[in-house]
Protein backbone atom coordinates (compact mmCIF):
# COMPACT_ATOMS: atom_id res chain seq x y z
CA UNK A 1 -115.52 -92.95 125.17
CA UNK A 2 -112.60 -94.36 127.14
CA UNK A 3 -114.52 -97.53 127.95
CA UNK A 4 -114.36 -98.43 124.24
CA UNK A 5 -110.59 -98.39 124.48
CA UNK A 6 -110.75 -100.95 127.30
CA UNK A 7 -112.77 -103.32 125.14
CA UNK A 8 -110.19 -103.31 122.38
CA UNK A 9 -106.97 -103.83 124.27
CA UNK A 10 -106.70 -107.40 123.01
CA UNK A 11 -108.47 -106.92 119.78
CA UNK A 12 -106.23 -106.95 116.79
CA UNK A 13 -105.16 -110.41 116.09
CA UNK A 14 -107.84 -111.81 113.78
CA UNK A 15 -110.48 -111.21 110.92
CA UNK A 16 -113.84 -112.32 109.44
CA UNK A 17 -115.80 -112.46 106.19
CA UNK A 18 -118.44 -114.49 104.36
CA UNK A 19 -115.75 -116.95 103.24
CA UNK A 20 -115.51 -120.42 104.76
CA UNK A 21 -113.99 -120.53 108.25
CA UNK A 22 -110.42 -121.70 108.73
CA UNK A 23 -109.92 -125.39 109.30
CA UNK A 24 -107.92 -126.75 112.22
CA UNK A 25 -105.30 -127.84 109.67
CA UNK A 26 -104.94 -124.26 108.38
CA UNK A 27 -104.67 -122.88 111.89
CA UNK A 28 -102.03 -125.47 112.81
CA UNK A 29 -100.13 -124.65 109.60
CA UNK A 30 -100.30 -120.94 110.46
CA UNK A 31 -99.03 -121.59 114.00
CA UNK A 32 -96.02 -123.52 112.70
CA UNK A 33 -95.26 -120.87 110.07
CA UNK A 34 -95.22 -117.85 112.40
CA UNK A 35 -92.06 -117.78 114.55
CA UNK A 36 -89.97 -115.41 116.64
CA UNK A 37 -89.28 -112.14 114.87
CA UNK A 38 -92.33 -112.27 112.58
CA UNK A 39 -94.76 -109.34 112.66
CA UNK A 40 -98.55 -109.28 112.35
CA UNK A 41 -100.27 -105.94 111.58
CA UNK A 42 -104.01 -105.73 112.20
CA UNK A 43 -106.52 -102.97 111.54
CA UNK A 44 -110.15 -102.44 112.36
CA UNK A 45 -112.62 -99.59 111.93
CA UNK A 46 -116.08 -99.36 113.44
CA UNK A 47 -118.67 -96.86 114.65
CA UNK A 48 -119.97 -96.39 118.16
CA UNK A 49 -122.77 -94.18 119.40
CA UNK A 50 -122.73 -92.61 122.84
CA UNK A 51 -125.05 -89.87 124.10
CA UNK A 52 -126.55 -89.55 120.60
CA UNK A 53 -123.08 -88.84 119.21
CA UNK A 54 -121.60 -91.17 116.59
CA UNK A 55 -117.85 -91.79 116.63
CA UNK A 56 -115.57 -93.67 114.26
CA UNK A 57 -112.83 -95.64 116.02
CA UNK A 58 -109.79 -96.86 114.08
CA UNK A 59 -107.24 -99.26 115.55
CA UNK A 60 -103.84 -100.28 114.21
CA UNK A 61 -102.08 -103.08 116.05
CA UNK A 62 -98.53 -104.22 115.40
CA UNK A 63 -97.55 -107.51 117.04
CA UNK A 64 -94.05 -108.98 116.98
CA UNK A 65 -93.56 -112.61 118.01
CA UNK A 66 -91.00 -112.66 120.85
CA UNK A 67 -91.50 -116.25 122.01
CA UNK A 68 -92.90 -119.27 120.20
CA UNK A 69 -93.43 -122.89 121.25
CA UNK A 70 -96.07 -125.43 120.27
CA UNK A 71 -99.58 -124.06 121.02
CA UNK A 72 -98.27 -120.83 122.61
CA UNK A 73 -96.86 -117.55 121.36
CA UNK A 74 -95.94 -114.35 123.14
CA UNK A 75 -96.30 -111.13 121.18
CA UNK A 76 -95.06 -107.65 122.03
CA UNK A 77 -97.81 -105.43 120.74
CA UNK A 78 -98.16 -101.73 120.05
CA UNK A 79 -101.72 -100.55 119.46
CA UNK A 80 -102.75 -97.14 118.17
CA UNK A 81 -106.33 -96.00 118.78
CA UNK A 82 -107.72 -93.04 116.88
CA UNK A 83 -111.18 -91.73 117.62
CA UNK A 84 -112.47 -89.53 114.80
CA UNK A 85 -115.12 -86.98 115.69
CA UNK A 86 -113.87 -86.28 119.21
CA UNK A 87 -111.07 -84.40 120.92
CA UNK A 88 -109.10 -87.65 121.39
CA UNK A 89 -106.42 -87.72 118.69
CA UNK A 90 -104.76 -91.03 119.60
CA UNK A 91 -103.83 -93.33 122.45
CA UNK A 92 -100.94 -95.81 122.25
CA UNK A 93 -100.85 -99.03 124.27
CA UNK A 94 -97.80 -101.27 124.51
CA UNK A 95 -98.01 -104.68 126.14
CA UNK A 96 -97.22 -108.34 125.81
CA UNK A 97 -99.98 -110.80 124.92
CA UNK A 98 -99.80 -114.56 125.36
CA UNK A 99 -101.80 -116.50 122.76
CA UNK A 100 -102.58 -120.16 123.46
CA UNK A 101 -104.73 -122.79 121.75
CA UNK A 102 -107.44 -124.54 123.72
CA UNK A 103 -109.30 -127.17 121.65
CA UNK A 104 -111.27 -125.16 119.06
CA UNK A 105 -110.52 -121.74 120.56
CA UNK A 106 -107.67 -119.30 120.77
CA UNK A 107 -107.09 -117.54 124.08
CA UNK A 108 -105.44 -114.11 124.18
CA UNK A 109 -104.29 -112.84 127.55
CA UNK A 110 -102.48 -109.63 128.50
CA UNK A 111 -99.30 -109.90 130.62
CA UNK A 112 -100.29 -107.34 133.30
CA UNK A 113 -96.82 -106.05 134.24
CA UNK A 114 -95.98 -105.33 130.57
CA UNK A 115 -98.69 -102.67 130.02
CA UNK A 116 -97.69 -99.09 129.15
CA UNK A 117 -100.08 -96.39 127.92
CA UNK A 118 -99.21 -93.12 126.18
CA UNK A 119 -101.93 -90.48 125.87
CA UNK A 120 -100.35 -87.12 124.89
CA UNK A 121 -103.58 -85.08 125.16
CA UNK A 122 -104.42 -86.34 128.66
CA UNK A 123 -101.37 -87.80 130.42
CA UNK A 124 -103.35 -87.90 133.68
CA UNK A 125 -105.49 -90.66 132.08
CA UNK A 126 -102.53 -92.93 131.30
CA UNK A 127 -102.49 -94.67 134.70
CA UNK A 128 -106.27 -95.24 134.57
CA UNK A 129 -106.09 -96.75 131.09
CA UNK A 130 -103.08 -98.90 131.99
CA UNK A 131 -104.83 -100.28 135.08
CA UNK A 132 -107.93 -101.07 133.03
CA UNK A 133 -105.77 -102.93 130.51
CA UNK A 134 -104.12 -104.94 133.28
CA UNK A 135 -107.55 -106.06 134.51
CA UNK A 136 -108.89 -107.02 131.07
CA UNK A 137 -110.21 -110.57 131.02
CA UNK A 138 -108.80 -112.99 128.45
CA UNK A 139 -110.44 -112.98 125.02
CA UNK A 140 -111.48 -116.28 123.43
CA UNK A 141 -111.81 -116.58 119.66
CA UNK A 142 -113.46 -119.58 118.01
CA UNK A 143 -111.55 -121.12 115.11
CA UNK A 144 -114.71 -120.76 113.00
CA UNK A 145 -114.44 -116.97 113.32
CA UNK A 146 -111.05 -116.93 111.59
CA UNK A 147 -110.78 -116.78 107.80
CA UNK A 148 -107.52 -116.85 105.88
CA UNK A 149 -107.78 -114.35 103.04
CA UNK A 150 -104.49 -114.94 101.23
CA UNK A 151 -102.59 -117.31 103.48
CA UNK A 152 -101.06 -116.44 105.91
CA UNK A 153 -103.03 -113.14 106.02
CA UNK A 154 -106.35 -113.47 107.81
CA UNK A 155 -109.42 -111.79 109.22
CA UNK A 156 -111.31 -112.53 112.43
CA UNK A 157 -114.65 -111.72 114.07
CA UNK A 158 -114.40 -110.60 117.68
CA UNK A 159 -117.32 -109.90 120.05
CA UNK A 160 -116.72 -107.64 123.03
CA UNK A 161 -119.19 -107.16 125.89
CA UNK A 162 -119.14 -103.35 125.70
CA UNK A 163 -119.81 -103.18 121.93
CA UNK A 164 -123.12 -104.30 120.45
CA UNK A 165 -121.72 -105.30 117.05
CA UNK A 166 -119.20 -107.95 116.09
CA UNK A 167 -115.90 -106.31 115.15
CA UNK A 168 -113.88 -107.54 112.18
CA UNK A 169 -110.10 -107.24 112.22
CA UNK A 170 -107.90 -107.60 109.15
CA UNK A 171 -104.38 -108.93 109.72
CA UNK A 172 -101.36 -109.04 107.47
CA UNK A 173 -98.32 -111.18 108.28
CA UNK A 174 -94.77 -109.96 107.61
CA UNK A 175 -92.25 -112.79 107.80
CA UNK A 176 -88.77 -111.89 109.03
CA UNK A 177 -86.93 -113.71 106.20
């Protein structure tokens, strides 16, 4: 089950639905609105099956903007993974993620030396999980997979190689004001 954690280290920044995809204008407006000190909270729930066992994985991600310039933001993120139906109660990852815009895509990339993992039930696994997070390839998200629900809140579809289904994340923005 730990390989599912690896696939979701970057996953909690965007959402999806049957609503029309976000326009480049909306995405640019969002990027200008979100600045240092703002927080984005994202959640996702999905099922995975391994060895004929079905598990429900829930993820809560809290990202705080720590650096913001045109077309690039750096977030400090804390992610909580809870796997229902197994002996794993939760795993917490902390790391920095750099988000940049490349034409019609968003690129999310982990800052390798910022990764910390806390796994109270199996502390011997922390170093293995942290190393896997450091080696995680960047994630690319198409603008068409982002939908603003009630601006600036949004949802995003994310496809990971180790999961057969597309995962939907729901994100809520908390402005520092």
